[in-house]
Amino acid sequence: MFIQTDTTPDPATIRFLPGQEVLPSRAVEFDDEAAAARSPLARRLFQIDAVQRVGFGHDFVSVTKDGKTEWQHLKPQVLGAIVEHFMSGEPVLADPVDAPSTAMTGEIDLDGDDPSEMAAQVRELIDTRIRPVAEQSGGEVLFRGLKDGIAYLEMSGGATTLLTGIRNMVRHYVPDILDVRDYRDAIPKPGLDTAEGKAIQSLLNDQINPAVASHGGHIALVDVQEDTVYIRLEGGCQGCGMADVTLKQGIEVEIKQAVPAILAVLDVTDHAGGTNPYYQPGK
């Protein structure tokens, strides 16, 4: 088995290409061995001391190491683990990933198999123009579905920072597409329809987002669960070194003042291209 390697913008992360399909229709990432319980391959890789993060795409395995170990010492161990896995015949994931459950996707079919011409145009654009750019950033972009003119994509790794550019490109080449969104936005969230959720969304639309838009940013309301608000920082806010200050001293204060019942405001943004804590399995 011949495995090629590919560098990424992050020197601590390398992609390993085994020359065969890894995951057919989605990308996943694991931050530790506990999170990787459902993946025999990820568990095998986490047994290597220096491995800190593992990710899978349609044709690659990405591995992020610690800051102490040199790749020249780590690569042989990673290569050996990958070869052993594929020789064993075990699955990459122990549970099916090709058909997302309705509990996670609601009424929208997000398996990426939409046969419409518009969906075919979006898939071709992703394959020919978007994915190559995303892969240069150490990320992956997958088409998950269409609904009411909105294209839902799954983005992982460095691709999460490219949403604005991807949206502009898709709408340029496929004019019938009204918007491009993260597929997780299609998951039903009853908290957004509560009085608290509507009040917070109004606050974001009328006051907070017009202010952050001047910096190229946007704040998305992800969910409201009891006394906790989940938001996602997008555009210029994603990965910003001042994101925590913006959240704690600005957004959180305004939300709590507008809706006193809220006790916590949590940022679920994937600032580092890793696993998003809000969207863990079972959440």
C-alpha atoms as a PDB file:
ATOM      1  CA  MET A   1       0.000   0.000   0.000  1.00  0.00           C
ATOM      2  CA  PHE A   2       1.525   3.314  -1.120  1.00  0.00           C
ATOM      3  CA  ILE A   3       0.526   6.349   0.976  1.00  0.00           C
ATOM      4  CA  GLN A   4       1.347   9.865  -0.148  1.00  0.00           C
ATOM      5  CA  THR A   5       1.606  12.830   2.201  1.00  0.00           C
ATOM      6  CA  ASP A   6       0.546  16.425   1.681  1.00  0.00           C
ATOM      7  CA  THR A   7       1.417  19.464   3.784  1.00  0.00           C
ATOM      8  CA  THR A   8      -1.151  22.031   4.950  1.00  0.00           C
ATOM      9  CA  PRO A   9      -0.876  25.691   5.993  1.00  0.00           C
ATOM     10  CA  ASP A  10      -0.614  24.411   9.560  1.00  0.00           C
ATOM     11  CA  PRO A  11       2.867  22.849   9.969  1.00  0.00           C
ATOM     12  CA  ALA A  12       1.500  20.679  12.766  1.00  0.00           C
ATOM     13  CA  THR A  13      -0.985  19.014  10.401  1.00  0.00           C
ATOM     14  CA  ILE A  14      -0.243  16.663   7.509  1.00  0.00           C
ATOM     15  CA  ARG A  15      -2.687  14.875   5.235  1.00  0.00           C
ATOM     16  CA  PHE A  16      -2.049  11.209   4.413  1.00  0.00           C
ATOM     17  CA  LEU A  17      -3.540   9.975   1.112  1.00  0.00           C
ATOM     18  CA  PRO A  18      -3.846   6.175   1.047  1.00  0.00           C
ATOM     19  CA  GLY A  19      -4.850   6.079  -2.624  1.00  0.00           C
ATOM     20  CA  GLN A  20      -8.333   4.816  -1.852  1.00  0.00           C
ATOM     21  CA  GLU A  21     -11.602   6.088  -0.460  1.00  0.00           C
ATOM     22  CA  VAL A  22     -11.565   6.920   3.242  1.00  0.00           C
ATOM     23  CA  LEU A  23     -15.060   8.326   3.850  1.00  0.00           C
ATOM     24  CA  PRO A  24     -17.482   8.446   0.921  1.00  0.00           C
ATOM     25  CA  SER A  25     -19.810  11.338   1.730  1.00  0.00           C
ATOM     26  CA  ARG A  26     -18.713  13.437   4.669  1.00  0.00           C
ATOM     27  CA  ALA A  27     -15.763  14.615   6.742  1.00  0.00           C
ATOM     28  CA  VAL A  28     -15.241  14.083  10.462  1.00  0.00           C
ATOM     29  CA  GLU A  29     -12.652  15.186  13.010  1.00  0.00           C
ATOM     30  CA  PHE A  30     -11.741  13.956  16.491  1.00  0.00           C
ATOM     31  CA  ASP A  31      -9.937  15.923  19.190  1.00  0.00           C
ATOM     32  CA  ASP A  32      -9.070  13.010  21.482  1.00  0.00           C
ATOM     33  CA  GLU A  33      -9.304   9.273  21.911  1.00  0.00           C
ATOM     34  CA  ALA A  34     -12.584   9.478  23.843  1.00  0.00           C
ATOM     35  CA  ALA A  35     -14.287  11.305  20.968  1.00  0.00           C
ATOM     36  CA  ALA A  36     -12.872   8.717  18.559  1.00  0.00           C
ATOM     37  CA  ALA A  37     -14.546   5.745  20.240  1.00  0.00           C
ATOM     38  CA  ARG A  38     -16.594   4.957  17.108  1.00  0.00           C
ATOM     39  CA  SER A  39     -13.593   4.971  14.777  1.00  0.00           C
ATOM     40  CA  PRO A  40     -11.150   2.033  14.812  1.00  0.00           C
ATOM     41  CA  LEU A  41      -8.689   4.001  12.656  1.00  0.00           C
ATOM     42  CA  ALA A  42      -8.792   7.130  14.827  1.00  0.00           C
ATOM     43  CA  ARG A  43      -8.342   5.044  17.980  1.00  0.00           C
ATOM     44  CA  ARG A  44      -5.310   3.379  16.422  1.00  0.00           C
ATOM     45  CA  LEU A  45      -3.796   6.769  15.569  1.00  0.00           C
ATOM     46  CA  PHE A  46      -4.448   8.229  19.019  1.00  0.00           C
ATOM     47  CA  GLN A  47      -2.387   5.414  20.510  1.00  0.00           C
ATOM     48  CA  ILE A  48       0.606   7.320  19.130  1.00  0.00           C
ATOM     49  CA  ASP A  49       1.577   9.714  21.913  1.00  0.00           C
ATOM     50  CA  ALA A  50       2.259  12.809  19.798  1.00  0.00           C
ATOM     51  CA  VAL A  51      -1.065  12.707  17.898  1.00  0.00           C
ATOM     52  CA  GLN A  52      -3.461  15.418  19.072  1.00  0.00           C
ATOM     53  CA  ARG A  53      -6.162  15.476  16.386  1.00  0.00           C
ATOM     54  CA  VAL A  54      -7.355  13.131  13.642  1.00  0.00           C
ATOM     55  CA  GLY A  55      -9.607  13.907  10.688  1.00  0.00           C
ATOM     56  CA  PHE A  56     -11.020  11.984   7.736  1.00  0.00           C
ATOM     57  CA  GLY A  57     -12.102  13.256   4.306  1.00  0.00           C
ATOM     58  CA  HIS A  58     -13.239  11.497   1.164  1.00  0.00           C
ATOM     59  CA  ASP A  59      -9.682  10.425   0.242  1.00  0.00           C
ATOM     60  CA  PHE A  60      -7.395  11.494   3.077  1.00  0.00           C
ATOM     61  CA  VAL A  61      -6.509  11.121   6.741  1.00  0.00           C
ATOM     62  CA  SER A  62      -5.322  14.286   8.470  1.00  0.00           C
ATOM     63  CA  VAL A  63      -3.157  14.107  11.583  1.00  0.00           C
ATOM     64  CA  THR A  64      -2.213  16.985  13.872  1.00  0.00           C
ATOM     65  CA  LYS A  65       0.767  16.514  16.176  1.00  0.00           C
ATOM     66  CA  ASP A  66       2.003  18.213  19.314  1.00  0.00           C
ATOM     67  CA  GLY A  67       4.583  20.999  19.234  1.00  0.00           C
ATOM     68  CA  LYS A  68       7.486  18.881  20.419  1.00  0.00           C
ATOM     69  CA  THR A  69       7.657  15.865  18.130  1.00  0.00           C
ATOM     70  CA  GLU A  70       9.266  16.173  14.700  1.00  0.00           C
ATOM     71  CA  TRP A  71       7.428  14.769  11.696  1.00  0.00           C
ATOM     72  CA  GLN A  72      10.473  12.768  10.649  1.00  0.00           C
ATOM     73  CA  HIS A  73      10.027  10.682  13.796  1.00  0.00           C
ATOM     74  CA  LEU A  74       6.222  10.627  13.750  1.00  0.00           C
ATOM     75  CA  LYS A  75       5.479   9.891  10.083  1.00  0.00           C
ATOM     76  CA  PRO A  76       6.622   6.237  10.131  1.00  0.00           C
ATOM     77  CA  GLN A  77       4.341   5.524  13.096  1.00  0.00           C
ATOM     78  CA  VAL A  78       1.346   7.194  11.452  1.00  0.00           C
ATOM     79  CA  LEU A  79       1.974   5.440   8.140  1.00  0.00           C
ATOM     80  CA  GLY A  80       2.251   2.121   9.932  1.00  0.00           C
ATOM     81  CA  ALA A  81      -1.014   2.666  11.800  1.00  0.00           C
ATOM     82  CA  ILE A  82      -2.868   3.567   8.594  1.00  0.00           C
ATOM     83  CA  VAL A  83      -1.528   0.553   6.732  1.00  0.00           C
ATOM     84  CA  GLU A  84      -2.414  -1.762   9.621  1.00  0.00           C
ATOM     85  CA  HIS A  85      -5.947  -0.400   9.665  1.00  0.00           C
ATOM     86  CA  PHE A  86      -6.655  -0.891   5.973  1.00  0.00           C
ATOM     87  CA  MET A  87      -5.063  -4.335   6.064  1.00  0.00           C
ATOM     88  CA  SER A  88      -7.333  -5.297   8.972  1.00  0.00           C
ATOM     89  CA  GLY A  89     -10.531  -4.757   6.975  1.00  0.00           C
ATOM     90  CA  GLU A  90     -12.112  -2.749   9.777  1.00  0.00           C
ATOM     91  CA  PRO A  91     -14.332   0.231   8.846  1.00  0.00           C
ATOM     92  CA  VAL A  92     -13.091   3.777   9.268  1.00  0.00           C
ATOM     93  CA  LEU A  93     -16.231   4.468  11.325  1.00  0.00           C
ATOM     94  CA  ALA A  94     -18.136   1.772  13.144  1.00  0.00           C
ATOM     95  CA  ASP A  95     -21.505   3.420  12.382  1.00  0.00           C
ATOM     96  CA  PRO A  96     -22.879   4.333   8.936  1.00  0.00           C
ATOM     97  CA  VAL A  97     -22.135   7.848   7.722  1.00  0.00           C
ATOM     98  CA  ASP A  98     -23.762   7.784   4.304  1.00  0.00           C
ATOM     99  CA  ALA A  99     -27.315   8.390   5.499  1.00  0.00           C
ATOM    100  CA  PRO A 100     -27.643  11.061   8.199  1.00  0.00           C
ATOM    101  CA  SER A 101     -30.499  10.347  10.580  1.00  0.00           C
ATOM    102  CA  THR A 102     -33.665  12.426  10.512  1.00  0.00           C
ATOM    103  CA  ALA A 103     -32.985  13.326  14.136  1.00  0.00           C
ATOM    104  CA  MET A 104     -29.974  15.293  12.959  1.00  0.00           C
ATOM    105  CA  THR A 105     -31.266  16.589   9.652  1.00  0.00           C
ATOM    106  CA  GLY A 106     -34.960  17.200  10.214  1.00  0.00           C
ATOM    107  CA  GLU A 107     -37.085  17.248   7.057  1.00  0.00           C
ATOM    108  CA  ILE A 108     -34.228  18.160   4.724  1.00  0.00           C
ATOM    109  CA  ASP A 109     -32.557  15.332   2.848  1.00  0.00           C
ATOM    110  CA  LEU A 110     -28.872  16.035   3.418  1.00  0.00           C
ATOM    111  CA  ASP A 111     -27.303  12.904   1.997  1.00  0.00           C
ATOM    112  CA  GLY A 112     -25.897  14.836  -0.983  1.00  0.00           C
ATOM    113  CA  ASP A 113     -27.707  12.644  -3.553  1.00  0.00           C
ATOM    114  CA  ASP A 114     -30.135  15.281  -4.869  1.00  0.00           C
ATOM    115  CA  PRO A 115     -30.593  14.363  -8.579  1.00  0.00           C
ATOM    116  CA  SER A 116     -31.662  17.843  -9.702  1.00  0.00           C
ATOM    117  CA  GLU A 117     -29.700  19.811 -12.292  1.00  0.00           C
ATOM    118  CA  MET A 118     -29.051  22.615  -9.799  1.00  0.00           C
ATOM    119  CA  ALA A 119     -27.564  20.163  -7.311  1.00  0.00           C
ATOM    120  CA  ALA A 120     -25.388  18.700 -10.074  1.00  0.00           C
ATOM    121  CA  GLN A 121     -24.082  22.182 -10.882  1.00  0.00           C
ATOM    122  CA  VAL A 122     -23.189  22.820  -7.238  1.00  0.00           C
ATOM    123  CA  ARG A 123     -21.460  19.441  -6.897  1.00  0.00           C
ATOM    124  CA  GLU A 124     -19.415  20.056 -10.050  1.00  0.00           C
ATOM    125  CA  LEU A 125     -18.406  23.500  -8.812  1.00  0.00           C
ATOM    126  CA  ILE A 126     -17.294  22.035  -5.493  1.00  0.00           C
ATOM    127  CA  ASP A 127     -15.300  19.270  -7.189  1.00  0.00           C
ATOM    128  CA  THR A 128     -13.572  21.503  -9.763  1.00  0.00           C
ATOM    129  CA  ARG A 129     -13.075  24.847  -8.022  1.00  0.00           C
ATOM    130  CA  ILE A 130     -13.939  24.846  -4.320  1.00  0.00           C
ATOM    131  CA  ARG A 131     -12.500  21.586  -2.971  1.00  0.00           C
ATOM    132  CA  PRO A 132      -8.986  22.185  -4.390  1.00  0.00           C
ATOM    133  CA  VAL A 133      -8.846  25.544  -2.595  1.00  0.00           C
ATOM    134  CA  ALA A 134     -10.246  24.058   0.615  1.00  0.00           C
ATOM    135  CA  GLU A 135      -7.684  21.262   0.540  1.00  0.00           C
ATOM    136  CA  GLN A 136      -4.876  23.810   0.326  1.00  0.00           C
ATOM    137  CA  SER A 137      -6.172  25.142   3.665  1.00  0.00           C
ATOM    138  CA  GLY A 138      -6.219  21.643   5.141  1.00  0.00           C
ATOM    139  CA  GLY A 139      -9.998  21.446   4.881  1.00  0.00           C
ATOM    140  CA  GLU A 140     -12.817  19.671   3.107  1.00  0.00           C
ATOM    141  CA  VAL A 141     -16.122  20.801   1.562  1.00  0.00           C
ATOM    142  CA  LEU A 142     -18.979  18.412   0.831  1.00  0.00           C
ATOM    143  CA  PHE A 143     -22.393  19.031  -0.719  1.00  0.00           C
ATOM    144  CA  ARG A 144     -25.218  17.954   1.605  1.00  0.00           C
ATOM    145  CA  GLY A 145     -28.430  19.123  -0.070  1.00  0.00           C
ATOM    146  CA  LEU A 146     -30.749  21.826  -1.417  1.00  0.00           C
ATOM    147  CA  LYS A 147     -33.931  23.286   0.006  1.00  0.00           C
ATOM    148  CA  ASP A 148     -35.853  26.340  -1.178  1.00  0.00           C
ATOM    149  CA  GLY A 149     -32.917  27.523  -3.254  1.00  0.00           C
ATOM    150  CA  ILE A 150     -30.430  27.210  -0.375  1.00  0.00           C
ATOM    151  CA  ALA A 151     -27.368  24.980  -0.756  1.00  0.00           C
ATOM    152  CA  TYR A 152     -26.239  23.268   2.439  1.00  0.00           C
ATOM    153  CA  LEU A 153     -22.567  22.309   2.684  1.00  0.00           C
ATOM    154  CA  GLU A 154     -20.460  20.469   5.225  1.00  0.00           C
ATOM    155  CA  MET A 155     -17.148  22.201   5.866  1.00  0.00           C
ATOM    156  CA  SER A 156     -14.333  20.951   8.054  1.00  0.00           C
ATOM    157  CA  GLY A 157     -10.805  21.992   8.941  1.00  0.00           C
ATOM    158  CA  GLY A 158      -9.539  25.143   7.266  1.00  0.00           C
ATOM    159  CA  ALA A 159     -12.551  25.199   4.924  1.00  0.00           C
ATOM    160  CA  THR A 160     -14.700  26.661   7.704  1.00  0.00           C
ATOM    161  CA  THR A 161     -13.040  30.030   7.137  1.00  0.00           C
ATOM    162  CA  LEU A 162     -14.000  30.063   3.454  1.00  0.00           C
ATOM    163  CA  LEU A 163     -17.794  30.229   3.722  1.00  0.00           C
ATOM    164  CA  THR A 164     -18.116  33.809   2.485  1.00  0.00           C
ATOM    165  CA  GLY A 165     -15.947  33.149  -0.567  1.00  0.00           C
ATOM    166  CA  ILE A 166     -17.705  29.854  -1.279  1.00  0.00           C
ATOM    167  CA  ARG A 167     -21.090  31.566  -1.047  1.00  0.00           C
ATOM    168  CA  ASN A 168     -20.036  34.252  -3.526  1.00  0.00           C
ATOM    169  CA  MET A 169     -18.603  31.710  -5.960  1.00  0.00           C
ATOM    170  CA  VAL A 170     -21.647  29.415  -5.880  1.00  0.00           C
ATOM    171  CA  ARG A 171     -24.081  32.288  -6.353  1.00  0.00           C
ATOM    172  CA  HIS A 172     -21.985  33.604  -9.234  1.00  0.00           C
ATOM    173  CA  TYR A 173     -21.810  30.333 -11.167  1.00  0.00           C
ATOM    174  CA  VAL A 174     -25.265  29.036 -10.160  1.00  0.00           C
ATOM    175  CA  PRO A 175     -27.448  32.182 -10.070  1.00  0.00           C
ATOM    176  CA  ASP A 176     -30.563  30.257  -9.009  1.00  0.00           C
ATOM    177  CA  ILE A 177     -28.926  29.525  -5.639  1.00  0.00           C
ATOM    178  CA  LEU A 178     -30.235  32.065  -3.126  1.00  0.00           C
ATOM    179  CA  ASP A 179     -27.760  31.323  -0.338  1.00  0.00           C
ATOM    180  CA  VAL A 180     -25.096  28.888   0.853  1.00  0.00           C
ATOM    181  CA  ARG A 181     -25.196  27.758   4.481  1.00  0.00           C
ATOM    182  CA  ASP A 182     -23.580  25.349   6.884  1.00  0.00           C
ATOM    183  CA  TYR A 183     -25.676  22.152   6.827  1.00  0.00           C
ATOM    184  CA  ARG A 184     -26.013  22.307  10.619  1.00  0.00           C
ATOM    185  CA  ASP A 185     -28.266  25.328  10.171  1.00  0.00           C
ATOM    186  CA  ALA A 186     -30.858  22.932   8.731  1.00  0.00           C
ATOM    187  CA  ILE A 187     -31.097  20.973  11.972  1.00  0.00           C
ATOM    188  CA  PRO A 188     -34.384  21.809  13.764  1.00  0.00           C
ATOM    189  CA  LYS A 189     -33.840  24.074  16.793  1.00  0.00           C
ATOM    190  CA  PRO A 190     -37.077  24.734  18.708  1.00  0.00           C
ATOM    191  CA  GLY A 191     -35.289  27.265  20.922  1.00  0.00           C
ATOM    192  CA  LEU A 192     -35.144  29.754  18.062  1.00  0.00           C
ATOM    193  CA  ASP A 193     -38.954  29.941  17.990  1.00  0.00           C
ATOM    194  CA  THR A 194     -39.291  30.840  21.677  1.00  0.00           C
ATOM    195  CA  ALA A 195     -39.843  34.396  22.883  1.00  0.00           C
ATOM    196  CA  GLU A 196     -36.233  34.497  24.069  1.00  0.00           C
ATOM    197  CA  GLY A 197     -34.924  33.198  20.747  1.00  0.00           C
ATOM    198  CA  LYS A 198     -36.905  35.736  18.730  1.00  0.00           C
ATOM    199  CA  ALA A 199     -35.805  38.598  20.997  1.00  0.00           C
ATOM    200  CA  ILE A 200     -32.137  37.627  20.671  1.00  0.00           C
ATOM    201  CA  GLN A 201     -32.408  37.264  16.885  1.00  0.00           C
ATOM    202  CA  SER A 202     -33.979  40.720  16.702  1.00  0.00           C
ATOM    203  CA  LEU A 203     -31.146  42.130  18.817  1.00  0.00           C
ATOM    204  CA  LEU A 204     -28.554  40.572  16.512  1.00  0.00           C
ATOM    205  CA  ASN A 205     -30.283  41.801  13.364  1.00  0.00           C
ATOM    206  CA  ASP A 206     -30.993  45.349  14.540  1.00  0.00           C
ATOM    207  CA  GLN A 207     -28.021  46.238  16.732  1.00  0.00           C
ATOM    208  CA  ILE A 208     -25.131  43.796  16.924  1.00  0.00           C
ATOM    209  CA  ASN A 209     -24.669  42.669  13.310  1.00  0.00           C
ATOM    210  CA  PRO A 210     -24.808  46.199  11.808  1.00  0.00           C
ATOM    211  CA  ALA A 211     -21.921  47.081  14.154  1.00  0.00           C
ATOM    212  CA  VAL A 212     -19.733  44.032  13.440  1.00  0.00           C
ATOM    213  CA  ALA A 213     -20.465  44.215   9.696  1.00  0.00           C
ATOM    214  CA  SER A 214     -18.102  47.197   9.468  1.00  0.00           C
ATOM    215  CA  HIS A 215     -15.296  44.750  10.335  1.00  0.00           C
ATOM    216  CA  GLY A 216     -16.485  42.136   7.853  1.00  0.00           C
ATOM    217  CA  GLY A 217     -18.024  40.008  10.580  1.00  0.00           C
ATOM    218  CA  HIS A 218     -21.386  38.440  11.341  1.00  0.00           C
ATOM    219  CA  ILE A 219     -22.909  36.830  14.440  1.00  0.00           C
ATOM    220  CA  ALA A 220     -25.260  33.897  13.824  1.00  0.00           C
ATOM    221  CA  LEU A 221     -27.711  32.662  16.450  1.00  0.00           C
ATOM    222  CA  VAL A 222     -27.308  28.885  16.532  1.00  0.00           C
ATOM    223  CA  ASP A 223     -29.711  27.878  19.298  1.00  0.00           C
ATOM    224  CA  VAL A 224     -31.287  28.805  22.620  1.00  0.00           C
ATOM    225  CA  GLN A 225     -31.516  26.032  25.200  1.00  0.00           C
ATOM    226  CA  GLU A 226     -33.114  26.963  28.525  1.00  0.00           C
ATOM    227  CA  ASP A 227     -30.897  29.763  29.959  1.00  0.00           C
ATOM    228  CA  THR A 228     -28.038  29.310  27.464  1.00  0.00           C
ATOM    229  CA  VAL A 229     -27.503  30.951  24.081  1.00  0.00           C
ATOM    230  CA  TYR A 230     -25.256  29.419  21.404  1.00  0.00           C
ATOM    231  CA  ILE A 231     -23.817  31.740  18.755  1.00  0.00           C
ATOM    232  CA  ARG A 232     -21.384  31.352  15.870  1.00  0.00           C
ATOM    233  CA  LEU A 233     -18.934  34.066  14.786  1.00  0.00           C
ATOM    234  CA  GLU A 234     -18.613  34.257  11.017  1.00  0.00           C
ATOM    235  CA  GLY A 235     -16.679  36.202   8.388  1.00  0.00           C
ATOM    236  CA  GLY A 236     -14.051  38.506   9.881  1.00  0.00           C
ATOM    237  CA  CYS A 237     -15.019  37.432  13.399  1.00  0.00           C
ATOM    238  CA  GLN A 238     -14.049  33.793  12.857  1.00  0.00           C
ATOM    239  CA  GLY A 239     -10.534  33.110  14.077  1.00  0.00           C
ATOM    240  CA  CYS A 240     -10.093  36.705  15.257  1.00  0.00           C
ATOM    241  CA  GLY A 241      -7.709  37.061  18.188  1.00  0.00           C
ATOM    242  CA  MET A 242     -10.196  39.422  19.857  1.00  0.00           C
ATOM    243  CA  ALA A 243     -13.158  37.057  19.475  1.00  0.00           C
ATOM    244  CA  ASP A 244     -13.306  36.218  23.178  1.00  0.00           C
ATOM    245  CA  VAL A 245     -13.226  39.890  24.141  1.00  0.00           C
ATOM    246  CA  THR A 246     -15.950  40.667  21.598  1.00  0.00           C
ATOM    247  CA  LEU A 247     -18.077  37.903  23.068  1.00  0.00           C
ATOM    248  CA  LYS A 248     -17.556  38.565  26.778  1.00  0.00           C
ATOM    249  CA  GLN A 249     -17.489  42.355  26.816  1.00  0.00           C
ATOM    250  CA  GLY A 250     -19.912  43.052  23.990  1.00  0.00           C
ATOM    251  CA  ILE A 251     -22.298  40.414  22.704  1.00  0.00           C
ATOM    252  CA  GLU A 252     -22.862  38.578  25.979  1.00  0.00           C
ATOM    253  CA  VAL A 253     -23.533  41.785  27.901  1.00  0.00           C
ATOM    254  CA  GLU A 254     -26.062  43.032  25.349  1.00  0.00           C
ATOM    255  CA  ILE A 255     -27.884  39.705  25.145  1.00  0.00           C
ATOM    256  CA  LYS A 256     -28.167  39.396  28.928  1.00  0.00           C
ATOM    257  CA  GLN A 257     -29.434  42.955  29.203  1.00  0.00           C
ATOM    258  CA  ALA A 258     -32.064  42.372  26.512  1.00  0.00           C
ATOM    259  CA  VAL A 259     -33.134  38.951  27.841  1.00  0.00           C
ATOM    260  CA  PRO A 260     -32.443  38.711  31.609  1.00  0.00           C
ATOM    261  CA  ALA A 261     -33.413  35.024  31.684  1.00  0.00           C
ATOM    262  CA  ILE A 262     -30.198  34.190  29.783  1.00  0.00           C
ATOM    263  CA  LEU A 263     -27.319  33.245  32.088  1.00  0.00           C
ATOM    264  CA  ALA A 264     -24.695  32.082  29.580  1.00  0.00           C
ATOM    265  CA  VAL A 265     -23.674  32.888  26.004  1.00  0.00           C
ATOM    266  CA  LEU A 266     -21.413  30.285  24.410  1.00  0.00           C
ATOM    267  CA  ASP A 267     -19.345  30.659  21.256  1.00  0.00           C
ATOM    268  CA  VAL A 268     -19.487  27.485  19.138  1.00  0.00           C
ATOM    269  CA  THR A 269     -17.328  28.870  16.336  1.00  0.00           C
ATOM    270  CA  ASP A 270     -14.705  26.502  14.907  1.00  0.00           C
ATOM    271  CA  HIS A 271     -11.958  29.141  15.256  1.00  0.00           C
ATOM    272  CA  ALA A 272      -9.125  26.651  14.834  1.00  0.00           C
ATOM    273  CA  GLY A 273     -10.700  24.348  12.276  1.00  0.00           C
ATOM    274  CA  GLY A 274     -11.196  21.603  14.874  1.00  0.00           C
ATOM    275  CA  THR A 275     -14.263  19.842  16.208  1.00  0.00           C
ATOM    276  CA  ASN A 276     -17.106  22.135  17.180  1.00  0.00           C
ATOM    277  CA  PRO A 277     -18.059  21.401  20.848  1.00  0.00           C
ATOM    278  CA  TYR A 278     -21.731  22.202  20.335  1.00  0.00           C
ATOM    279  CA  TYR A 279     -22.141  19.698  17.526  1.00  0.00           C
ATOM    280  CA  GLN A 280     -20.852  16.605  19.244  1.00  0.00           C
ATOM    281  CA  PRO A 281     -22.565  13.260  18.520  1.00  0.00           C
ATOM    282  CA  GLY A 282     -25.788  12.978  20.498  1.00  0.00           C
ATOM    283  CA  LYS A 283     -26.254  16.710  20.961  1.00  0.00           C
END
